[in-house]
Amino acid sequence: MTTYALFSVPGHGHVNPTLALAQELVARGERIIYYQSEEFRAAIEATGAIFRRYENEAWQRHLPRLTTTLTGKPDLMGRVDMLATLAMESIKEMPLLLEQMAADQIDCVLYDRTFMQGIIVGKTLHLPAVQLSPSFMVNEQAFKQLSRQMTESERPALEWWATLNEKLARECESYKLPRFTFQELMTHVENLNIVFLPRAFQPGGETFDERYVFVGPSVPAQRYYSGDFSLERLDKGPLLYISLGTAFNDWADFYQMCFDAFAETEWQVVLSIGRRIDPVVFKEPPGNFLIAPHVPQLEVLSRADLFISHGGMNSTMESLWFGVPLVVVPQMIEQEINAQRVQELGLGLALEKETLTAEKLRAAVEQVAHDTDFRVHVQTMQQEIRQAGGYQRAADEVIRYMHKVKV
């Protein structure tokens, strides 16, 4: 039996892809210790993994600023600076975490690509590590191009990098950790890197070598769900599912647009509004709408005909897993990239948040619903996804990797 430490960013978009992998490894007799915030305890324990409470104070403290950075205008240096701040402040938490990991007798580290502490703990404890990516990968070639863009567009970039690296080196030294440059943390590649999307969806997928395994979405047969939405309320008519995800869903005007666009139409609409808006503010929602703070997304998508989404990678992949075309209304920079990819591959349409109207929403849904090319492209991508192997292949690769390490 191998004991794995599993780390991810404390957000649904990062935790959800890891749950089925954790459950599969546990089912195969492995020991998984998942270090995560209390919010995710129930979902993690439902997989059979051991939950270790790890409240990453740096992430919690800087989440409001991170949200602003992600939703603002493109600012490469600003985003990297935000990640650098998170990395440096998280180093302060390393001694206690390393002590706990030593007590847990960890054999291997599985970590989310954005969670740079995974690199640090693996190197410090001299453990083999596997990088997990819930979104698009950036290889060395792409990062070099990004660095050139930063240097060319923002002249102080070289001095700025040097300053970041000096600060990071001082932090590492003060906590008796190996020294890293921030570029090393940003570009670090493990001997095994699992990507939770198919290679066909990854831009430049052919440029990634054998160290990158594109397994597609990690979709379990059933996901932990704590709500009370009843699937028996769904009828046999065409089903339109609408959700802005868990992070940026406080947008009452958007929900009103949906009412205006799809009230009294042939669509039965399932509208997930999150927990920041009280459903009572919608005095008289249309009769063909079912509204809930949270719904069992996998079960709803398995019945849906079309999905209006924020374009988070999890939601995008899960929609395509079930062969459901998309209309994407992105809320942040990364979601805009996903939306562009959906549109260029003919899997749906992308709409701009700033110019959105009920009329544009309705027109996009009608176009995607009635243009058979969208359905053909989605079915092709669905086949790619189903053949990628999912969490079973991810577990195969992790176990195979550890067997090589132990030899």
Protein backbone atom coordinates (compact mmCIF):
# COMPACT_ATOMS: atom_id res chain seq x y z
CA MET A 1 0.00 0.00 0.00
CA THR A 2 1.25 3.46 -0.94
CA THR A 3 0.33 6.54 1.08
CA TYR A 4 -0.36 9.63 -1.01
CA ALA A 5 -0.71 13.23 0.13
CA LEU A 6 -3.22 15.08 -2.03
CA PHE A 7 -3.27 18.89 -2.27
CA SER A 8 -5.42 21.24 -4.30
CA VAL A 9 -6.52 24.85 -4.30
CA PRO A 10 -9.52 25.31 -1.93
CA GLY A 11 -12.11 25.76 -4.69
CA HIS A 12 -14.69 23.46 -6.29
CA GLY A 13 -13.10 23.81 -9.72
CA HIS A 14 -9.87 22.37 -8.34
CA VAL A 15 -11.16 19.88 -5.76
CA ASN A 16 -13.88 18.20 -7.83
CA PRO A 17 -11.58 16.68 -10.50
CA THR A 18 -9.50 15.03 -7.76
CA LEU A 19 -12.35 13.32 -5.91
CA ALA A 20 -12.98 10.45 -8.33
CA LEU A 21 -9.22 9.84 -8.59
CA ALA A 22 -8.95 9.69 -4.80
CA GLN A 23 -11.90 7.31 -4.61
CA GLU A 24 -10.45 5.04 -7.29
CA LEU A 25 -7.05 4.87 -5.61
CA VAL A 26 -8.72 4.03 -2.28
CA ALA A 27 -10.77 1.31 -4.01
CA ARG A 28 -7.50 -0.19 -5.27
CA GLY A 29 -6.13 -0.44 -1.76
CA GLU A 30 -4.09 2.75 -1.64
CA ARG A 31 -4.09 5.23 1.27
CA ILE A 32 -5.01 8.82 0.41
CA ILE A 33 -4.59 11.68 2.88
CA TYR A 34 -6.26 14.81 1.53
CA TYR A 35 -5.06 18.09 3.08
CA GLN A 36 -7.83 20.62 2.53
CA SER A 37 -10.10 23.19 4.16
CA GLU A 38 -13.08 22.21 6.31
CA GLU A 39 -15.54 23.18 3.55
CA PHE A 40 -14.64 20.06 1.59
CA ARG A 41 -14.50 17.54 4.46
CA ALA A 42 -17.77 15.72 3.64
CA ALA A 43 -17.01 15.39 -0.07
CA ILE A 44 -13.48 14.14 0.62
CA GLU A 45 -14.50 11.66 3.30
CA ALA A 46 -17.19 10.31 0.96
CA THR A 47 -14.37 9.07 -1.31
CA GLY A 48 -12.83 6.99 1.47
CA ALA A 49 -9.82 9.29 1.70
CA ILE A 50 -8.52 10.49 5.07
CA PHE A 51 -9.30 14.17 5.59
CA ARG A 52 -6.64 16.39 7.17
CA ARG A 53 -7.81 19.88 7.95
CA TYR A 54 -5.44 22.32 6.29
CA GLU A 55 -6.73 25.88 6.24
CA ASN A 56 -4.40 27.68 3.88
CA GLU A 57 -4.50 31.13 5.44
CA ALA A 58 -2.69 32.80 2.54
CA TRP A 59 -5.33 31.68 0.05
CA GLN A 60 -8.18 32.73 2.35
CA ARG A 61 -6.62 36.12 3.07
CA HIS A 62 -5.93 36.98 -0.55
CA LEU A 63 -9.01 35.44 -2.18
CA PRO A 64 -10.82 38.82 -2.56
CA ARG A 65 -7.77 40.32 -4.29
CA LEU A 66 -7.33 37.19 -6.39
CA THR A 67 -10.94 37.40 -7.52
CA THR A 68 -10.48 41.04 -8.55
CA THR A 69 -7.28 40.17 -10.41
CA LEU A 70 -8.89 37.31 -12.31
CA THR A 71 -11.93 39.28 -13.40
CA GLY A 72 -10.13 42.49 -14.34
CA LYS A 73 -8.44 43.46 -17.57
CA PRO A 74 -5.47 41.35 -18.70
CA ASP A 75 -2.44 42.20 -16.54
CA LEU A 76 0.16 39.46 -16.76
CA MET A 77 2.52 40.94 -14.20
CA GLY A 78 -0.35 41.57 -11.78
CA ARG A 79 -1.48 37.96 -11.93
CA VAL A 80 2.00 36.54 -11.54
CA ASP A 81 2.62 38.93 -8.64
CA MET A 82 -0.55 37.63 -6.98
CA LEU A 83 0.61 34.02 -7.34
CA ALA A 84 4.06 35.00 -6.06
CA THR A 85 2.51 36.57 -2.96
CA LEU A 86 0.49 33.42 -2.31
CA ALA A 87 3.58 31.23 -2.72
CA MET A 88 5.73 33.35 -0.40
CA GLU A 89 3.11 33.67 2.33
CA SER A 90 2.29 29.97 2.12
CA ILE A 91 5.93 29.16 2.87
CA LYS A 92 5.26 30.34 6.44
CA GLU A 93 2.84 27.42 6.80
CA MET A 94 5.35 24.84 5.58
CA PRO A 95 7.01 23.75 8.88
CA LEU A 96 3.77 22.52 10.49
CA LEU A 97 2.60 20.94 7.23
CA LEU A 98 5.90 19.13 6.74
CA GLU A 99 5.75 17.87 10.32
CA GLN A 100 2.24 16.49 9.74
CA MET A 101 3.27 14.84 6.47
CA ALA A 102 6.24 13.18 8.14
CA ALA A 103 3.92 11.82 10.84
CA ASP A 104 1.57 10.54 8.12
CA GLN A 105 4.49 8.70 6.47
CA ILE A 106 3.74 10.04 3.01
CA ASP A 107 5.24 8.13 0.04
CA CYS A 108 4.12 10.38 -2.84
CA VAL A 109 2.65 13.85 -3.35
CA LEU A 110 -0.28 14.51 -5.69
CA TYR A 111 -0.79 18.23 -6.13
CA ASP A 112 -2.83 20.70 -8.13
CA ARG A 113 -0.64 22.61 -10.61
CA THR A 114 -1.73 25.97 -9.18
CA PHE A 115 -0.93 24.87 -5.63
CA MET A 116 2.81 25.56 -5.70
CA GLN A 117 3.30 24.32 -2.15
CA GLY A 118 3.02 20.85 -3.65
CA ILE A 119 6.33 21.38 -5.43
CA ILE A 120 7.97 22.69 -2.27
CA VAL A 121 6.86 19.87 0.05
CA GLY A 122 7.82 17.23 -2.52
CA LYS A 123 11.33 18.63 -2.97
CA THR A 124 11.85 19.27 0.74
CA LEU A 125 10.88 15.74 1.77
CA HIS A 126 12.55 14.19 -1.30
CA LEU A 127 9.32 12.51 -2.36
CA PRO A 128 8.13 11.54 -5.83
CA ALA A 129 5.34 13.82 -7.00
CA VAL A 130 2.57 13.91 -9.60
CA GLN A 131 1.16 17.17 -10.89
CA LEU A 132 -2.60 17.39 -11.48
CA SER A 133 -4.11 19.97 -13.81
CA PRO A 134 -7.86 20.71 -13.93
CA SER A 135 -7.37 23.15 -16.80
CA PHE A 136 -5.15 23.98 -19.78
CA MET A 137 -1.48 23.16 -19.35
CA VAL A 138 1.35 25.56 -20.10
CA ASN A 139 4.56 23.83 -21.17
CA GLU A 140 8.07 25.28 -21.26
CA GLN A 141 7.60 26.51 -24.82
CA ALA A 142 4.41 28.41 -23.99
CA PHE A 143 5.88 29.90 -20.80
CA LYS A 144 8.92 31.21 -22.70
CA GLN A 145 6.57 32.92 -25.14
CA LEU A 146 4.60 34.38 -22.21
CA SER A 147 7.79 35.66 -20.60
CA ARG A 148 8.82 37.33 -23.86
CA GLN A 149 5.44 39.05 -24.07
CA MET A 150 5.81 40.35 -20.53
CA THR A 151 9.35 41.59 -21.19
CA GLU A 152 8.40 43.29 -24.45
CA SER A 153 5.15 44.83 -23.25
CA GLU A 154 6.24 45.85 -19.75
CA ARG A 155 9.84 47.07 -19.60
CA PRO A 156 10.43 46.60 -15.84
CA ALA A 157 9.74 42.87 -16.15
CA LEU A 158 13.35 41.68 -15.78
CA GLU A 159 13.98 43.75 -12.63
CA TRP A 160 10.59 42.72 -11.32
CA TRP A 161 11.41 39.01 -11.76
CA ALA A 162 14.70 39.53 -9.94
CA THR A 163 12.97 41.24 -7.01
CA LEU A 164 10.43 38.41 -6.72
CA ASN A 165 13.16 35.80 -6.74
CA GLU A 166 15.17 37.61 -4.04
CA LYS A 167 12.11 37.74 -1.77
CA LEU A 168 11.31 34.08 -2.42
CA ALA A 169 14.90 33.03 -1.71
CA ARG A 170 14.86 34.88 1.63
CA GLU A 171 11.60 33.21 2.63
CA CYS A 172 12.89 29.76 1.72
CA GLU A 173 16.12 30.36 3.61
CA SER A 174 14.36 31.60 6.75
CA TYR A 175 12.25 28.43 6.92
CA LYS A 176 15.15 26.13 5.99
CA LEU A 177 13.59 25.10 2.68
CA PRO A 178 15.30 24.44 -0.66
CA ARG A 179 15.72 27.61 -2.72
CA PHE A 180 13.50 28.14 -5.74
CA THR A 181 13.13 30.86 -8.32
CA PHE A 182 9.58 31.83 -9.06
CA GLN A 183 10.08 30.84 -12.72
CA GLU A 184 10.97 27.34 -11.50
CA LEU A 185 7.72 27.14 -9.55
CA MET A 186 5.72 28.41 -12.52
CA THR A 187 7.28 26.06 -15.08
CA HIS A 188 8.00 23.00 -12.95
CA VAL A 189 7.14 19.75 -14.69
CA GLU A 190 7.02 16.39 -12.96
CA ASN A 191 7.85 13.10 -14.62
CA LEU A 192 4.09 12.49 -14.56
CA ASN A 193 1.55 15.28 -15.14
CA ILE A 194 -2.11 14.33 -15.32
CA VAL A 195 -4.38 16.70 -17.23
CA PHE A 196 -8.15 16.42 -16.73
CA LEU A 197 -9.10 17.20 -20.33
CA PRO A 198 -8.61 15.42 -23.65
CA ARG A 199 -5.58 16.30 -25.74
CA ALA A 200 -7.93 17.44 -28.53
CA PHE A 201 -9.25 20.27 -26.32
CA GLN A 202 -5.80 21.45 -25.21
CA PRO A 203 -4.45 24.25 -27.46
CA GLY A 204 -1.23 22.98 -29.00
CA GLY A 205 -1.90 19.54 -27.57
CA GLU A 206 0.58 17.95 -29.95
CA THR A 207 3.48 19.93 -28.38
CA PHE A 208 3.21 18.12 -25.03
CA ASP A 209 5.47 15.11 -24.59
CA GLU A 210 4.96 11.75 -22.88
CA ARG A 211 5.25 13.28 -19.40
CA TYR A 212 1.76 14.76 -19.91
CA VAL A 213 -1.16 12.33 -19.79
CA PHE A 214 -4.47 13.81 -20.95
CA VAL A 215 -7.10 11.65 -19.24
CA GLY A 216 -10.18 13.79 -19.85
CA PRO A 217 -12.60 14.85 -17.11
CA SER A 218 -12.66 12.94 -13.85
CA VAL A 219 -16.40 12.20 -13.83
CA PRO A 220 -17.52 9.79 -11.10
CA ALA A 221 -20.57 7.58 -11.40
CA GLN A 222 -22.06 9.66 -8.58
CA ARG A 223 -20.77 12.77 -6.84
CA TYR A 224 -21.42 13.79 -3.25
CA TYR A 225 -24.40 16.17 -3.16
CA SER A 226 -25.77 17.83 -0.02
CA GLY A 227 -28.75 19.65 -1.52
CA ASP A 228 -32.42 18.70 -1.88
CA PHE A 229 -33.10 19.24 -5.59
CA SER A 230 -35.40 16.46 -6.82
CA LEU A 231 -34.78 15.05 -10.29
CA GLU A 232 -38.38 13.84 -10.31
CA ARG A 233 -39.37 17.43 -11.07
CA LEU A 234 -37.86 17.13 -14.55
CA ASP A 235 -40.36 16.38 -17.31
CA LYS A 236 -39.77 14.88 -20.76
CA GLY A 237 -39.54 18.17 -22.65
CA PRO A 238 -36.30 19.76 -23.90
CA LEU A 239 -34.13 20.67 -20.90
CA LEU A 240 -32.04 23.84 -20.67
CA TYR A 241 -29.60 23.93 -17.75
CA ILE A 242 -28.19 27.29 -16.61
CA SER A 243 -25.39 27.78 -14.06
CA LEU A 244 -22.66 30.36 -13.43
CA GLY A 245 -20.69 28.00 -11.20
CA THR A 246 -19.72 28.52 -7.57
CA ALA A 247 -17.40 31.54 -7.58
CA PHE A 248 -18.98 34.38 -9.59
CA ASN A 249 -22.72 33.71 -9.50
CA ASP A 250 -24.00 36.86 -7.74
CA TRP A 251 -25.55 38.38 -10.87
CA ALA A 252 -29.27 39.05 -10.46
CA ASP A 253 -29.53 40.90 -13.80
CA PHE A 254 -28.35 37.78 -15.63
CA TYR A 255 -31.05 35.66 -14.02
CA GLN A 256 -33.65 38.22 -15.02
CA MET A 257 -32.34 38.04 -18.60
CA CYS A 258 -32.87 34.29 -18.48
CA PHE A 259 -36.45 34.78 -17.33
CA ASP A 260 -37.06 37.25 -20.14
CA ALA A 261 -35.40 35.03 -22.73
CA PHE A 262 -36.98 31.66 -21.92
CA ALA A 263 -40.26 32.29 -20.06
CA GLU A 264 -43.18 30.38 -21.51
CA THR A 265 -41.01 28.69 -24.16
CA GLU A 266 -40.76 24.98 -24.94
CA TRP A 267 -37.74 24.73 -22.65
CA GLN A 268 -37.92 23.39 -19.14
CA VAL A 269 -35.20 25.44 -17.46
CA VAL A 270 -33.14 24.33 -14.46
CA LEU A 271 -31.50 27.45 -13.02
CA SER A 272 -28.78 27.07 -10.38
CA ILE A 273 -28.25 30.46 -8.69
CA GLY A 274 -25.69 29.69 -5.95
CA ARG A 275 -25.98 30.72 -2.32
CA ARG A 276 -25.32 34.46 -2.58
CA ILE A 277 -28.83 35.29 -3.83
CA ASP A 278 -32.00 34.42 -1.94
CA PRO A 279 -34.53 32.81 -4.33
CA VAL A 280 -37.31 34.85 -2.69
CA VAL A 281 -36.07 37.95 -4.57
CA PHE A 282 -37.57 36.38 -7.69
CA LYS A 283 -41.18 37.16 -6.84
CA GLU A 284 -42.82 35.28 -9.68
CA PRO A 285 -40.37 33.19 -11.69
CA PRO A 286 -41.77 31.74 -14.92
CA GLY A 287 -43.66 28.49 -14.57
CA ASN A 288 -41.23 26.57 -16.78
CA PHE A 289 -38.26 27.37 -14.47
CA LEU A 290 -36.94 25.22 -11.63
CA ILE A 291 -34.70 27.38 -9.39
CA ALA A 292 -32.32 26.11 -6.72
CA PRO A 293 -29.15 27.33 -4.99
CA HIS A 294 -27.36 24.16 -6.01
CA VAL A 295 -28.28 21.13 -8.12
CA PRO A 296 -26.66 17.71 -8.75
CA GLN A 297 -24.92 18.89 -11.91
CA LEU A 298 -23.91 15.50 -13.29
CA GLU A 299 -27.43 14.13 -13.03
CA VAL A 300 -28.96 17.26 -14.57
CA LEU A 301 -26.45 17.32 -17.44
CA SER A 302 -27.17 13.66 -18.17
CA ARG A 303 -30.72 14.77 -19.01
CA ALA A 304 -29.99 18.21 -20.53
CA ASP A 305 -30.19 19.24 -24.18
CA LEU A 306 -28.21 22.47 -23.83
CA PHE A 307 -26.13 24.19 -21.14
CA ILE A 308 -25.70 27.94 -20.56
CA SER A 309 -22.50 28.02 -18.54
CA HIS A 310 -19.87 30.35 -17.13
CA GLY A 311 -17.26 28.25 -18.91
CA GLY A 312 -15.39 26.82 -15.95
CA MET A 313 -13.31 23.90 -17.16
CA ASN A 314 -15.09 21.38 -14.92
CA SER A 315 -18.51 22.42 -16.17
CA THR A 316 -17.31 22.54 -19.77
CA MET A 317 -15.81 19.06 -19.60
CA GLU A 318 -18.81 17.59 -17.79
CA SER A 319 -21.15 19.06 -20.39
CA LEU A 320 -19.12 17.54 -23.22
CA TRP A 321 -18.87 14.22 -21.34
CA PHE A 322 -22.67 13.99 -21.65
CA GLY A 323 -22.70 15.30 -25.24
CA VAL A 324 -24.39 18.60 -24.34
CA PRO A 325 -23.53 21.68 -26.45
CA LEU A 326 -22.84 24.99 -24.72
CA VAL A 327 -23.58 28.67 -24.71
CA VAL A 328 -20.81 30.20 -22.62
CA VAL A 329 -20.98 33.52 -20.73
CA PRO A 330 -17.52 33.76 -19.11
CA GLN A 331 -16.98 35.70 -15.88
CA MET A 332 -13.17 35.76 -15.70
CA ILE A 333 -10.09 35.62 -17.92
CA GLU A 334 -9.55 31.86 -17.76
CA GLN A 335 -13.20 31.23 -18.57
CA GLU A 336 -12.90 33.53 -21.57
CA ILE A 337 -10.11 31.30 -22.89
CA ASN A 338 -12.30 28.23 -22.36
CA ALA A 339 -15.20 29.96 -24.12
CA GLN A 340 -13.02 30.82 -27.11
CA ARG A 341 -11.90 27.20 -27.31
CA VAL A 342 -15.51 25.96 -27.19
CA GLN A 343 -16.46 28.28 -30.04
CA GLU A 344 -13.43 27.59 -32.27
CA LEU A 345 -13.99 23.85 -31.97
CA GLY A 346 -17.68 24.24 -32.89
CA LEU A 347 -18.92 22.94 -29.53
CA GLY A 348 -21.10 25.98 -28.83
CA LEU A 349 -21.11 29.76 -28.79
CA ALA A 350 -19.40 32.35 -26.60
CA LEU A 351 -21.16 35.56 -25.51
CA GLU A 352 -19.69 38.68 -23.91
CA LYS A 353 -20.88 39.45 -20.41
CA GLU A 354 -20.67 43.22 -20.98
CA THR A 355 -23.02 43.26 -24.00
CA LEU A 356 -25.35 40.44 -23.01
CA THR A 357 -29.11 40.83 -23.48
CA ALA A 358 -32.06 38.49 -23.22
CA GLU A 359 -32.39 38.63 -27.00
CA LYS A 360 -28.76 37.56 -27.53
CA LEU A 361 -29.17 34.73 -25.04
CA ARG A 362 -32.30 33.45 -26.76
CA ALA A 363 -30.77 33.76 -30.24
CA ALA A 364 -27.62 31.88 -29.21
CA VAL A 365 -29.62 29.06 -27.65
CA GLU A 366 -31.82 28.76 -30.72
CA GLN A 367 -28.78 28.69 -33.03
CA VAL A 368 -26.96 26.03 -31.03
CA ALA A 369 -30.12 23.96 -30.55
CA HIS A 370 -31.05 23.86 -34.25
CA ASP A 371 -27.69 23.85 -36.07
CA THR A 372 -26.76 20.18 -36.41
CA ASP A 373 -23.05 21.02 -36.89
CA PHE A 374 -22.80 21.84 -33.19
CA ARG A 375 -24.24 18.45 -32.27
CA VAL A 376 -21.85 16.63 -34.61
CA HIS A 377 -18.78 18.42 -33.19
CA VAL A 378 -19.93 17.79 -29.62
CA GLN A 379 -20.45 14.10 -30.31
CA THR A 380 -16.93 13.85 -31.78
CA MET A 381 -15.45 15.54 -28.71
CA GLN A 382 -17.57 13.35 -26.44
CA GLN A 383 -16.00 10.30 -28.07
CA GLU A 384 -12.51 11.77 -27.55
CA ILE A 385 -13.32 12.37 -23.89
CA ARG A 386 -14.76 8.93 -23.27
CA GLN A 387 -11.72 7.29 -24.85
CA ALA A 388 -9.24 9.38 -22.81
CA GLY A 389 -9.68 7.11 -19.80
CA GLY A 390 -10.81 9.49 -17.05
CA TYR A 391 -10.06 8.82 -13.41
CA GLN A 392 -9.45 5.10 -14.04
CA ARG A 393 -6.59 5.87 -16.40
CA ALA A 394 -5.31 8.54 -14.01
CA ALA A 395 -5.18 5.94 -11.24
CA ASP A 396 -3.44 3.48 -13.59
CA GLU A 397 -0.78 6.07 -14.40
CA VAL A 398 -0.20 7.07 -10.77
CA ILE A 399 0.21 3.47 -9.63
CA ARG A 400 2.45 2.61 -12.59
CA TYR A 401 4.59 5.64 -11.83
CA MET A 402 5.02 4.63 -8.19
CA HIS A 403 5.99 1.09 -9.20
CA LYS A 404 8.77 2.56 -11.36
CA VAL A 405 9.92 4.81 -8.51
CA LYS A 406 10.11 1.91 -6.07
CA VAL A 407 12.12 -0.33 -8.40
